């Protein structure tokens, strides 16, 4: 389960970065600024969402480890 979550998170990070790069290049060379801004915003939103979810999962794992009293590999 954990490896599936990690694999999906890595794929979303790559997608988010690609959308950011495509949006920024589009802003430099294209005439339709609204589409470029939208693509960049979607990429940023994906990165923000993945970062938030990973932080929450890490917080949950640390909380469970601290509550159990014995250190565990996260």
PDB file of N, CA and C in Angstrom:
ATOM      1  N   UNK A   1       0.833  -1.199   0.000  1.00  0.00           N
ATOM      2  CA  UNK A   1       0.000   0.000   0.000  1.00  0.00           C
ATOM      3  C   UNK A   1       0.871   1.254   0.000  1.00  0.00           C
ATOM      4  N   UNK A   2       1.901   1.241   0.854  1.00  0.00           N
ATOM      5  CA  UNK A   2       2.754   2.411   0.958  1.00  0.00           C
ATOM      6  C   UNK A   2       3.516   2.663  -0.343  1.00  0.00           C
ATOM      7  N   UNK A   3       3.981   1.597  -0.979  1.00  0.00           N
ATOM      8  CA  UNK A   3       4.718   1.778  -2.227  1.00  0.00           C
ATOM      9  C   UNK A   3       3.802   2.287  -3.340  1.00  0.00           C
ATOM     10  N   UNK A   4       2.539   1.875  -3.336  1.00  0.00           N
ATOM     11  CA  UNK A   4       1.583   2.371  -4.328  1.00  0.00           C
ATOM     12  C   UNK A   4       1.344   3.863  -4.138  1.00  0.00           C
ATOM     13  N   UNK A   5       1.188   4.286  -2.893  1.00  0.00           N
ATOM     14  CA  UNK A   5       0.993   5.709  -2.606  1.00  0.00           C
ATOM     15  C   UNK A   5       2.219   6.502  -3.037  1.00  0.00           C
ATOM     16  N   UNK A   6       3.397   5.971  -2.720  1.00  0.00           N
ATOM     17  CA  UNK A   6       4.634   6.663  -3.084  1.00  0.00           C
ATOM     18  C   UNK A   6       4.796   6.746  -4.603  1.00  0.00           C
ATOM     19  N   UNK A   7       4.464   5.660  -5.297  1.00  0.00           N
ATOM     20  CA  UNK A   7       4.576   5.642  -6.753  1.00  0.00           C
ATOM     21  C   UNK A   7       3.609   6.649  -7.383  1.00  0.00           C
ATOM     22  N   UNK A   8       2.383   6.693  -6.870  1.00  0.00           N
ATOM     23  CA  UNK A   8       1.400   7.644  -7.390  1.00  0.00           C
ATOM     24  C   UNK A   8       1.813   9.084  -7.096  1.00  0.00           C
ATOM     25  N   UNK A   9       2.368   9.310  -5.918  1.00  0.00           N
ATOM     26  CA  UNK A   9       2.822  10.657  -5.567  1.00  0.00           C
ATOM     27  C   UNK A   9       3.956  11.101  -6.483  1.00  0.00           C
ATOM     28  N   UNK A  10       4.879  10.192  -6.770  1.00  0.00           N
ATOM     29  CA  UNK A  10       5.979  10.538  -7.674  1.00  0.00           C
ATOM     30  C   UNK A  10       5.457  10.860  -9.073  1.00  0.00           C
ATOM     31  N   UNK A  11       4.476  10.106  -9.533  1.00  0.00           N
ATOM     32  CA  UNK A  11       3.895  10.371 -10.854  1.00  0.00           C
ATOM     33  C   UNK A  11       3.196  11.731 -10.875  1.00  0.00           C
ATOM     34  N   UNK A  12       2.488  12.063  -9.801  1.00  0.00           N
ATOM     35  CA  UNK A  12       1.813  13.359  -9.741  1.00  0.00           C
ATOM     36  C   UNK A  12       2.813  14.509  -9.656  1.00  0.00           C
ATOM     37  N   UNK A  13       3.927  14.298  -8.960  1.00  0.00           N
ATOM     38  CA  UNK A  13       4.957  15.334  -8.890  1.00  0.00           C
ATOM     39  C   UNK A  13       5.540  15.587 -10.277  1.00  0.00           C
ATOM     40  N   UNK A  14       5.828  14.517 -11.002  1.00  0.00           N
ATOM     41  CA  UNK A  14       6.357  14.668 -12.367  1.00  0.00           C
ATOM     42  C   UNK A  14       5.338  15.386 -13.246  1.00  0.00           C
ATOM     43  N   UNK A  15       4.067  15.003 -13.149  1.00  0.00           N
ATOM     44  CA  UNK A  15       3.019  15.656 -13.930  1.00  0.00           C
ATOM     45  C   UNK A  15       2.920  17.137 -13.583  1.00  0.00           C
ATOM     46  N   UNK A  16       2.954  17.455 -12.294  1.00  0.00           N
ATOM     47  CA  UNK A  16       2.879  18.850 -11.872  1.00  0.00           C
ATOM     48  C   UNK A  16       4.038  19.681 -12.383  1.00  0.00           C
ATOM     49  N   UNK A  17       5.251  19.136 -12.300  1.00  0.00           N
ATOM     50  CA  UNK A  17       6.428  19.862 -12.790  1.00  0.00           C
ATOM     51  C   UNK A  17       6.351  20.053 -14.301  1.00  0.00           C
ATOM     52  N   UNK A  18       5.931  19.011 -15.021  1.00  0.00           N
ATOM     53  CA  UNK A  18       5.797  19.142 -16.476  1.00  0.00           C
ATOM     54  C   UNK A  18       4.766  20.205 -16.849  1.00  0.00           C
ATOM     55  N   UNK A  19       3.643  20.232 -16.135  1.00  0.00           N
ATOM     56  CA  UNK A  19       2.631  21.254 -16.414  1.00  0.00           C
ATOM     57  C   UNK A  19       3.160  22.652 -16.117  1.00  0.00           C
ATOM     58  N   UNK A  20       3.933  22.798 -15.043  1.00  0.00           N
ATOM     59  CA  UNK A  20       4.525  24.100 -14.750  1.00  0.00           C
ATOM     60  C   UNK A  20       5.472  24.541 -15.858  1.00  0.00           C
ATOM     61  N   UNK A  21       6.328  23.632 -16.297  1.00  0.00           N
ATOM     62  CA  UNK A  21       7.292  23.969 -17.351  1.00  0.00           C
ATOM     63  C   UNK A  21       6.573  24.296 -18.655  1.00  0.00           C
ATOM     64  N   UNK A  22       5.601  23.467 -19.029  1.00  0.00           N
ATOM     65  CA  UNK A  22       4.852  23.718 -20.268  1.00  0.00           C
ATOM     66  C   UNK A  22       4.132  25.062 -20.183  1.00  0.00           C
ATOM     67  N   UNK A  23       3.516  25.339 -19.041  1.00  0.00           N
ATOM     68  CA  UNK A  23       2.815  26.610 -18.883  1.00  0.00           C
ATOM     69  C   UNK A  23       3.741  27.808 -18.975  1.00  0.00           C
ATOM     70  N   UNK A  24       4.921  27.706 -18.362  1.00  0.00           N
ATOM     71  CA  UNK A  24       5.868  28.823 -18.410  1.00  0.00           C
ATOM     72  C   UNK A  24       6.423  29.039 -19.817  1.00  0.00           C
ATOM     73  N   UNK A  25       6.733  27.950 -20.517  1.00  0.00           N
ATOM     74  CA  UNK A  25       7.208  28.075 -21.898  1.00  0.00           C
ATOM     75  C   UNK A  25       6.098  28.632 -22.781  1.00  0.00           C
ATOM     76  N   UNK A  26       4.876  28.187 -22.534  1.00  0.00           N
ATOM     77  CA  UNK A  26       3.727  28.674 -23.296  1.00  0.00           C
ATOM     78  C   UNK A  26       3.560  30.179 -23.094  1.00  0.00           C
ATOM     79  N   UNK A  27       3.771  30.636 -21.853  1.00  0.00           N
ATOM     80  CA  UNK A  27       3.666  32.073 -21.585  1.00  0.00           C
ATOM     81  C   UNK A  27       4.694  32.869 -22.380  1.00  0.00           C
ATOM     82  N   UNK A  28       5.866  32.303 -22.561  1.00  0.00           N
ATOM     83  CA  UNK A  28       6.925  33.020 -23.275  1.00  0.00           C
ATOM     84  C   UNK A  28       6.671  33.121 -24.772  1.00  0.00           C
ATOM     85  N   UNK A  29       6.118  32.067 -25.364  1.00  0.00           N
ATOM     86  CA  UNK A  29       6.080  31.997 -26.824  1.00  0.00           C
ATOM     87  C   UNK A  29       4.685  31.978 -27.447  1.00  0.00           C
ATOM     88  N   UNK A  30       3.620  31.956 -26.666  1.00  0.00           N
ATOM     89  CA  UNK A  30       2.278  31.836 -27.253  1.00  0.00           C
ATOM     90  C   UNK A  30       1.492  33.136 -27.091  1.00  0.00           C
ATOM     91  N   UNK A  31       0.410  33.218 -27.843  1.00  0.00           N
ATOM     92  CA  UNK A  31      -0.442  34.403 -27.787  1.00  0.00           C
ATOM     93  C   UNK A  31      -1.573  34.265 -26.772  1.00  0.00           C
ATOM     94  N   UNK A  32      -1.986  33.049 -26.481  1.00  0.00           N
ATOM     95  CA  UNK A  32      -3.119  32.839 -25.577  1.00  0.00           C
ATOM     96  C   UNK A  32      -2.610  32.717 -24.141  1.00  0.00           C
ATOM     97  N   UNK A  33      -2.585  33.840 -23.450  1.00  0.00           N
ATOM     98  CA  UNK A  33      -2.034  33.883 -22.100  1.00  0.00           C
ATOM     99  C   UNK A  33      -2.930  33.165 -21.092  1.00  0.00           C
ATOM    100  N   UNK A  34      -4.244  33.206 -21.284  1.00  0.00           N
ATOM    101  CA  UNK A  34      -5.152  32.600 -20.308  1.00  0.00           C
ATOM    102  C   UNK A  34      -4.948  31.088 -20.225  1.00  0.00           C
ATOM    103  N   UNK A  35      -4.703  30.442 -21.345  1.00  0.00           N
ATOM    104  CA  UNK A  35      -4.474  28.995 -21.341  1.00  0.00           C
ATOM    105  C   UNK A  35      -3.153  28.682 -20.648  1.00  0.00           C
ATOM    106  N   UNK A  36      -2.131  29.473 -20.919  1.00  0.00           N
ATOM    107  CA  UNK A  36      -0.825  29.250 -20.292  1.00  0.00           C
ATOM    108  C   UNK A  36      -0.905  29.419 -18.780  1.00  0.00           C
ATOM    109  N   UNK A  37      -1.618  30.436 -18.338  1.00  0.00           N
ATOM    110  CA  UNK A  37      -1.784  30.654 -16.897  1.00  0.00           C
ATOM    111  C   UNK A  37      -2.575  29.508 -16.282  1.00  0.00           C
ATOM    112  N   UNK A  38      -3.587  29.021 -16.972  1.00  0.00           N
ATOM    113  CA  UNK A  38      -4.387  27.906 -16.463  1.00  0.00           C
ATOM    114  C   UNK A  38      -3.555  26.637 -16.327  1.00  0.00           C
ATOM    115  N   UNK A  39      -2.744  26.337 -17.332  1.00  0.00           N
ATOM    116  CA  UNK A  39      -1.896  25.141 -17.284  1.00  0.00           C
ATOM    117  C   UNK A  39      -0.909  25.249 -16.133  1.00  0.00           C
ATOM    118  N   UNK A  40      -0.312  26.427 -15.963  1.00  0.00           N
ATOM    119  CA  UNK A  40       0.640  26.634 -14.874  1.00  0.00           C
ATOM    120  C   UNK A  40      -0.048  26.512 -13.520  1.00  0.00           C
ATOM    121  N   UNK A  41      -1.250  27.056 -13.402  1.00  0.00           N
ATOM    122  CA  UNK A  41      -1.986  26.979 -12.143  1.00  0.00           C
ATOM    123  C   UNK A  41      -2.355  25.538 -11.797  1.00  0.00           C
ATOM    124  N   UNK A  42      -2.740  24.763 -12.791  1.00  0.00           N
ATOM    125  CA  UNK A  42      -3.074  23.356 -12.546  1.00  0.00           C
ATOM    126  C   UNK A  42      -1.837  22.598 -12.078  1.00  0.00           C
ATOM    127  N   UNK A  43      -0.698  22.853 -12.711  1.00  0.00           N
ATOM    128  CA  UNK A  43       0.546  22.213 -12.278  1.00  0.00           C
ATOM    129  C   UNK A  43       0.903  22.573 -10.849  1.00  0.00           C
ATOM    130  N   UNK A  44       0.774  23.843 -10.508  1.00  0.00           N
ATOM    131  CA  UNK A  44       1.049  24.282  -9.137  1.00  0.00           C
ATOM    132  C   UNK A  44       0.083  23.684  -8.132  1.00  0.00           C
ATOM    133  N   UNK A  45      -1.181  23.569  -8.521  1.00  0.00           N
ATOM    134  CA  UNK A  45      -2.175  22.972  -7.626  1.00  0.00           C
ATOM    135  C   UNK A  45      -1.881  21.500  -7.366  1.00  0.00           C
ATOM    136  N   UNK A  46      -1.470  20.785  -8.407  1.00  0.00           N
ATOM    137  CA  UNK A  46      -1.127  19.368  -8.236  1.00  0.00           C
ATOM    138  C   UNK A  46       0.055  19.228  -7.282  1.00  0.00           C
ATOM    139  N   UNK A  47       1.084  20.059  -7.464  1.00  0.00           N
ATOM    140  CA  UNK A  47       2.245  19.994  -6.575  1.00  0.00           C
ATOM    141  C   UNK A  47       1.863  20.340  -5.135  1.00  0.00           C
ATOM    142  N   UNK A  48       1.017  21.343  -4.966  1.00  0.00           N
ATOM    143  CA  UNK A  48       0.567  21.706  -3.624  1.00  0.00           C
ATOM    144  C   UNK A  48      -0.243  20.612  -2.966  1.00  0.00           C
ATOM    145  N   UNK A  49      -1.112  19.983  -3.735  1.00  0.00           N
ATOM    146  CA  UNK A  49      -1.934  18.897  -3.200  1.00  0.00           C
ATOM    147  C   UNK A  49      -1.080  17.708  -2.783  1.00  0.00           C
ATOM    148  N   UNK A  50      -0.139  17.319  -3.632  1.00  0.00           N
ATOM    149  CA  UNK A  50       0.728  16.184  -3.314  1.00  0.00           C
ATOM    150  C   UNK A  50       1.575  16.496  -2.088  1.00  0.00           C
ATOM    151  N   UNK A  51       2.103  17.715  -2.015  1.00  0.00           N
ATOM    152  CA  UNK A  51       2.901  18.102  -0.855  1.00  0.00           C
ATOM    153  C   UNK A  51       2.097  18.070   0.427  1.00  0.00           C
ATOM    154  N   UNK A  52       0.861  18.545   0.379  1.00  0.00           N
ATOM    155  CA  UNK A  52      -0.001  18.536   1.560  1.00  0.00           C
ATOM    156  C   UNK A  52      -0.329  17.118   1.991  1.00  0.00           C
ATOM    157  N   UNK A  53      -0.674  16.265   1.042  1.00  0.00           N
ATOM    158  CA  UNK A  53      -1.022  14.875   1.364  1.00  0.00           C
ATOM    159  C   UNK A  53       0.184  14.144   1.939  1.00  0.00           C
ATOM    160  N   UNK A  54       1.363  14.347   1.358  1.00  0.00           N
ATOM    161  CA  UNK A  54       2.557  13.683   1.881  1.00  0.00           C
ATOM    162  C   UNK A  54       2.882  14.179   3.281  1.00  0.00           C
ATOM    163  N   UNK A  55       2.706  15.471   3.544  1.00  0.00           N
ATOM    164  CA  UNK A  55       2.956  16.003   4.879  1.00  0.00           C
ATOM    165  C   UNK A  55       1.979  15.412   5.889  1.00  0.00           C
ATOM    166  N   UNK A  56       0.719  15.258   5.502  1.00  0.00           N
ATOM    167  CA  UNK A  56      -0.271  14.669   6.411  1.00  0.00           C
ATOM    168  C   UNK A  56       0.035  13.203   6.684  1.00  0.00           C
ATOM    169  N   UNK A  57       0.433  12.458   5.648  1.00  0.00           N
ATOM    170  CA  UNK A  57       0.787  11.053   5.848  1.00  0.00           C
ATOM    171  C   UNK A  57       1.995  10.922   6.764  1.00  0.00           C
ATOM    172  N   UNK A  58       2.990  11.791   6.584  1.00  0.00           N
ATOM    173  CA  UNK A  58       4.173  11.766   7.431  1.00  0.00           C
ATOM    174  C   UNK A  58       3.806  12.122   8.865  1.00  0.00           C
ATOM    175  N   UNK A  59       2.934  13.113   9.042  1.00  0.00           N
ATOM    176  CA  UNK A  59       2.489  13.494  10.376  1.00  0.00           C
ATOM    177  C   UNK A  59       1.753  12.346  11.049  1.00  0.00           C
ATOM    178  N   UNK A  60       0.884  11.654  10.308  1.00  0.00           N
ATOM    179  CA  UNK A  60       0.169  10.501  10.863  1.00  0.00           C
ATOM    180  C   UNK A  60       1.136   9.400  11.261  1.00  0.00           C
ATOM    181  N   UNK A  61       2.136   9.144  10.427  1.00  0.00           N
ATOM    182  CA  UNK A  61       3.108   8.094  10.730  1.00  0.00           C
ATOM    183  C   UNK A  61       3.912   8.451  11.973  1.00  0.00           C
ATOM    184  N   UNK A  62       4.323   9.710  12.093  1.00  0.00           N
ATOM    185  CA  UNK A  62       5.087  10.128  13.269  1.00  0.00           C
ATOM    186  C   UNK A  62       4.233  10.085  14.527  1.00  0.00           C
ATOM    187  N   UNK A  63       2.968  10.468  14.408  1.00  0.00           N
ATOM    188  CA  UNK A  63       2.067  10.417  15.556  1.00  0.00           C
ATOM    189  C   UNK A  63       1.880   8.982  16.027  1.00  0.00           C
ATOM    190  N   UNK A  64       1.664   8.058  15.101  1.00  0.00           N
ATOM    191  CA  UNK A  64       1.508   6.653  15.473  1.00  0.00           C
ATOM    192  C   UNK A  64       2.778   6.110  16.106  1.00  0.00           C
ATOM    193  N   UNK A  65       3.930   6.509  15.595  1.00  0.00           N
ATOM    194  CA  UNK A  65       5.199   6.044  16.148  1.00  0.00           C
ATOM    195  C   UNK A  65       5.394   6.578  17.557  1.00  0.00           C
ATOM    196  N   UNK A  66       5.064   7.838  17.783  1.00  0.00           N
ATOM    197  CA  UNK A  66       5.249   8.430  19.106  1.00  0.00           C
ATOM    198  C   UNK A  66       4.255   7.860  20.110  1.00  0.00           C
ATOM    199  N   UNK A  67       3.046   7.534  19.666  1.00  0.00           N
ATOM    200  CA  UNK A  67       2.042   6.974  20.566  1.00  0.00           C
ATOM    201  C   UNK A  67       2.376   5.552  20.981  1.00  0.00           C
ATOM    202  N   UNK A  68       3.043   4.808  20.118  1.00  0.00           N
ATOM    203  CA  UNK A  68       3.340   3.414  20.436  1.00  0.00           C
ATOM    204  C   UNK A  68       4.473   3.298  21.447  1.00  0.00           C
ATOM    205  N   UNK A  69       5.334   4.307  21.525  1.00  0.00           N
ATOM    206  CA  UNK A  69       6.410   4.283  22.499  1.00  0.00           C
ATOM    207  C   UNK A  69       7.678   3.612  22.014  1.00  0.00           C
ATOM    208  N   UNK A  70       7.606   2.860  20.949  1.00  0.00           N
ATOM    209  CA  UNK A  70       8.805   2.217  20.414  1.00  0.00           C
ATOM    210  C   UNK A  70       9.101   2.795  19.044  1.00  0.00           C
ATOM    211  N   UNK A  71      10.351   3.095  18.779  1.00  0.00           N
ATOM    212  CA  UNK A  71      10.677   3.637  17.451  1.00  0.00           C
ATOM    213  C   UNK A  71      10.491   2.603  16.354  1.00  0.00           C
ATOM    214  N   UNK A  72       9.891   3.035  15.265  1.00  0.00           N
ATOM    215  CA  UNK A  72       9.670   2.162  14.110  1.00  0.00           C
ATOM    216  C   UNK A  72      10.185   2.854  12.863  1.00  0.00           C
ATOM    217  N   UNK A  73      10.557   2.063  11.896  1.00  0.00           N
ATOM    218  CA  UNK A  73      10.970   2.626  10.613  1.00  0.00           C
ATOM    219  C   UNK A  73       9.741   3.131   9.882  1.00  0.00           C
ATOM    220  N   UNK A  74       9.811   4.358   9.417  1.00  0.00           N
ATOM    221  CA  UNK A  74       8.666   4.957   8.724  1.00  0.00           C
ATOM    222  C   UNK A  74       8.789   4.731   7.253  1.00  0.00           C
TER     223      UNK A  74
END
